[in-house]
Amino acid sequence: MSYNGKISTSGNSEAIRLDKDLFKQHPEFRRHATVRADVIGPGTMLIQVVDNHEAENDNDPVVRAFLSFIEKDMCESPSNISQVSQDQMEKIAELTKGVSVSDDDDLG
């Protein structure tokens, strides 16, 4: 779901005003909630409530947003979930043949 808004001034700060429906439909964005904004690309921002410990301890907002999206889709459309086929498993095995990894590997 998308919500429209405008950037305006509030005192000495810039503010983002959003449709009241957002706050009615998502009470976690209640008045005085502490939020964090992460710029994840040009013209794209991810805003999250951070006054719960889960959000504060997870430092990758993009992965968290993606996993939330996947969770929502799985709950709303469970028929989209399917088991990995034997053909897919064989293709995966072929693509990763000779690749060895360890839990201790530094992936950068």
C-alpha atoms as a PDB file:
ATOM      1  CA  MET A   1       0.000   0.000   0.000  1.00  0.00           C
ATOM      2  CA  SER A   2       1.256   3.498  -0.796  1.00  0.00           C
ATOM      3  CA  TYR A   3       0.532   6.796   0.913  1.00  0.00           C
ATOM      4  CA  ASN A   4       0.991  10.316  -0.442  1.00  0.00           C
ATOM      5  CA  GLY A   5       2.609  13.157   1.404  1.00  0.00           C
ATOM      6  CA  LYS A   6       4.467  16.446   1.177  1.00  0.00           C
ATOM      7  CA  ILE A   7       7.733  17.746   2.533  1.00  0.00           C
ATOM      8  CA  SER A   8       7.244  20.902   4.590  1.00  0.00           C
ATOM      9  CA  THR A   9       8.839  22.873   7.400  1.00  0.00           C
ATOM     10  CA  SER A  10       8.074  22.357  11.084  1.00  0.00           C
ATOM     11  CA  GLY A  11       9.860  24.873  13.292  1.00  0.00           C
ATOM     12  CA  ASN A  12      13.558  24.710  12.404  1.00  0.00           C
ATOM     13  CA  SER A  13      13.247  21.236  10.869  1.00  0.00           C
ATOM     14  CA  GLU A  14      12.043  19.750   7.632  1.00  0.00           C
ATOM     15  CA  ALA A  15       9.069  17.401   8.022  1.00  0.00           C
ATOM     16  CA  ILE A  16       7.314  14.796   5.920  1.00  0.00           C
ATOM     17  CA  ARG A  17       3.525  14.970   6.157  1.00  0.00           C
ATOM     18  CA  LEU A  18       1.715  11.783   5.176  1.00  0.00           C
ATOM     19  CA  ASP A  19      -1.942  10.853   4.662  1.00  0.00           C
ATOM     20  CA  LYS A  20      -3.746  10.280   7.972  1.00  0.00           C
ATOM     21  CA  ASP A  21      -4.895   6.873   6.640  1.00  0.00           C
ATOM     22  CA  LEU A  22      -1.322   5.581   7.030  1.00  0.00           C
ATOM     23  CA  PHE A  23      -1.474   6.184  10.773  1.00  0.00           C
ATOM     24  CA  LYS A  24      -4.972   4.735  11.112  1.00  0.00           C
ATOM     25  CA  GLN A  25      -4.029   1.570   9.208  1.00  0.00           C
ATOM     26  CA  HIS A  26      -0.580   1.205  10.823  1.00  0.00           C
ATOM     27  CA  PRO A  27      -0.786   2.164  14.505  1.00  0.00           C
ATOM     28  CA  GLU A  28       2.883   1.276  15.022  1.00  0.00           C
ATOM     29  CA  PHE A  29       3.575   4.701  13.473  1.00  0.00           C
ATOM     30  CA  ARG A  30       1.733   6.379  16.341  1.00  0.00           C
ATOM     31  CA  ARG A  31       2.405   9.950  17.397  1.00  0.00           C
ATOM     32  CA  HIS A  32       5.725  10.371  19.226  1.00  0.00           C
ATOM     33  CA  ALA A  33       7.069   6.993  18.030  1.00  0.00           C
ATOM     34  CA  THR A  34      10.807   7.039  17.460  1.00  0.00           C
ATOM     35  CA  VAL A  35      11.584   6.375  13.819  1.00  0.00           C
ATOM     36  CA  ARG A  36      14.720   5.992  11.721  1.00  0.00           C
ATOM     37  CA  ALA A  37      15.025   6.873   8.042  1.00  0.00           C
ATOM     38  CA  ASP A  38      17.575   5.086   5.861  1.00  0.00           C
ATOM     39  CA  VAL A  39      18.228   6.343   2.340  1.00  0.00           C
ATOM     40  CA  ILE A  40      18.482   3.118   0.329  1.00  0.00           C
ATOM     41  CA  GLY A  41      18.824   4.677  -3.117  1.00  0.00           C
ATOM     42  CA  PRO A  42      18.442   7.973  -4.940  1.00  0.00           C
ATOM     43  CA  GLY A  43      14.981   9.314  -4.119  1.00  0.00           C
ATOM     44  CA  THR A  44      14.159   6.235  -2.004  1.00  0.00           C
ATOM     45  CA  MET A  45      13.895   6.140   1.780  1.00  0.00           C
ATOM     46  CA  LEU A  46      12.941   3.396   4.210  1.00  0.00           C
ATOM     47  CA  ILE A  47      11.297   4.613   7.428  1.00  0.00           C
ATOM     48  CA  GLN A  48      10.974   2.287  10.399  1.00  0.00           C
ATOM     49  CA  VAL A  49       9.843   2.460  13.996  1.00  0.00           C
ATOM     50  CA  VAL A  50      12.879   1.851  16.204  1.00  0.00           C
ATOM     51  CA  ASP A  51      11.416   2.012  19.684  1.00  0.00           C
ATOM     52  CA  ASN A  52      11.298  -1.771  19.852  1.00  0.00           C
ATOM     53  CA  HIS A  53      14.448  -3.820  20.546  1.00  0.00           C
ATOM     54  CA  GLU A  54      14.119  -5.982  17.426  1.00  0.00           C
ATOM     55  CA  ALA A  55      14.489  -3.017  15.072  1.00  0.00           C
ATOM     56  CA  GLU A  56      17.346  -1.521  17.098  1.00  0.00           C
ATOM     57  CA  ASN A  57      19.362  -4.754  17.059  1.00  0.00           C
ATOM     58  CA  ASP A  58      18.977  -5.453  13.348  1.00  0.00           C
ATOM     59  CA  ASN A  59      21.289  -3.185  11.394  1.00  0.00           C
ATOM     60  CA  ASP A  60      20.243  -4.004   7.818  1.00  0.00           C
ATOM     61  CA  PRO A  61      16.983  -2.197   7.058  1.00  0.00           C
ATOM     62  CA  VAL A  62      16.844  -3.386   3.438  1.00  0.00           C
ATOM     63  CA  VAL A  63      17.039  -7.069   4.379  1.00  0.00           C
ATOM     64  CA  ARG A  64      14.508  -6.514   7.171  1.00  0.00           C
ATOM     65  CA  ALA A  65      12.125  -4.757   4.758  1.00  0.00           C
ATOM     66  CA  PHE A  66      12.548  -7.532   2.166  1.00  0.00           C
ATOM     67  CA  LEU A  67      11.879 -10.256   4.736  1.00  0.00           C
ATOM     68  CA  SER A  68       8.779  -8.391   5.937  1.00  0.00           C
ATOM     69  CA  PHE A  69       7.579  -8.172   2.343  1.00  0.00           C
ATOM     70  CA  ILE A  70       8.146 -11.923   1.843  1.00  0.00           C
ATOM     71  CA  GLU A  71       6.376 -12.728   5.125  1.00  0.00           C
ATOM     72  CA  LYS A  72       3.363 -10.623   4.139  1.00  0.00           C
ATOM     73  CA  ASP A  73       3.187 -12.256   0.706  1.00  0.00           C
ATOM     74  CA  MET A  74       3.437 -15.746   2.222  1.00  0.00           C
ATOM     75  CA  CYS A  75       0.583 -14.990   4.640  1.00  0.00           C
ATOM     76  CA  GLU A  76      -1.638 -13.372   2.009  1.00  0.00           C
ATOM     77  CA  SER A  77      -0.915 -15.836  -0.832  1.00  0.00           C
ATOM     78  CA  PRO A  78       0.236 -19.187   0.571  1.00  0.00           C
ATOM     79  CA  SER A  79      -0.597 -20.816  -2.764  1.00  0.00           C
ATOM     80  CA  ASN A  80       2.504 -19.072  -4.188  1.00  0.00           C
ATOM     81  CA  ILE A  81       4.747 -21.214  -2.004  1.00  0.00           C
ATOM     82  CA  SER A  82       6.034 -24.349  -3.690  1.00  0.00           C
ATOM     83  CA  GLN A  83       8.571 -27.029  -2.959  1.00  0.00           C
ATOM     84  CA  VAL A  84      11.903 -26.948  -4.776  1.00  0.00           C
ATOM     85  CA  SER A  85      11.739 -29.527  -7.565  1.00  0.00           C
ATOM     86  CA  GLN A  86      14.299 -32.259  -8.197  1.00  0.00           C
ATOM     87  CA  ASP A  87      15.268 -30.519 -11.468  1.00  0.00           C
ATOM     88  CA  GLN A  88      15.924 -27.278  -9.576  1.00  0.00           C
ATOM     89  CA  MET A  89      18.009 -29.143  -6.988  1.00  0.00           C
ATOM     90  CA  GLU A  90      20.091 -30.727  -9.752  1.00  0.00           C
ATOM     91  CA  LYS A  91      20.661 -27.329 -11.385  1.00  0.00           C
ATOM     92  CA  ILE A  92      21.701 -25.859  -8.037  1.00  0.00           C
ATOM     93  CA  ALA A  93      24.135 -28.743  -7.504  1.00  0.00           C
ATOM     94  CA  GLU A  94      25.611 -28.215 -10.981  1.00  0.00           C
ATOM     95  CA  LEU A  95      25.994 -24.449 -10.483  1.00  0.00           C
ATOM     96  CA  THR A  96      27.733 -24.895  -7.115  1.00  0.00           C
ATOM     97  CA  LYS A  97      29.912 -27.904  -8.026  1.00  0.00           C
ATOM     98  CA  GLY A  98      33.414 -27.447  -6.628  1.00  0.00           C
ATOM     99  CA  VAL A  99      32.426 -24.505  -4.411  1.00  0.00           C
ATOM    100  CA  SER A 100      33.348 -24.969  -0.789  1.00  0.00           C
ATOM    101  CA  VAL A 101      32.274 -22.650   1.994  1.00  0.00           C
ATOM    102  CA  SER A 102      32.669 -22.449   5.713  1.00  0.00           C
ATOM    103  CA  ASP A 103      30.727 -20.636   8.400  1.00  0.00           C
ATOM    104  CA  ASP A 104      34.014 -18.902   9.186  1.00  0.00           C
ATOM    105  CA  ASP A 105      34.511 -17.476   5.654  1.00  0.00           C
ATOM    106  CA  ASP A 106      34.731 -13.696   5.447  1.00  0.00           C
ATOM    107  CA  LEU A 107      32.236 -12.605   2.788  1.00  0.00           C
ATOM    108  CA  GLY A 108      33.198  -8.970   3.023  1.00  0.00           C
END
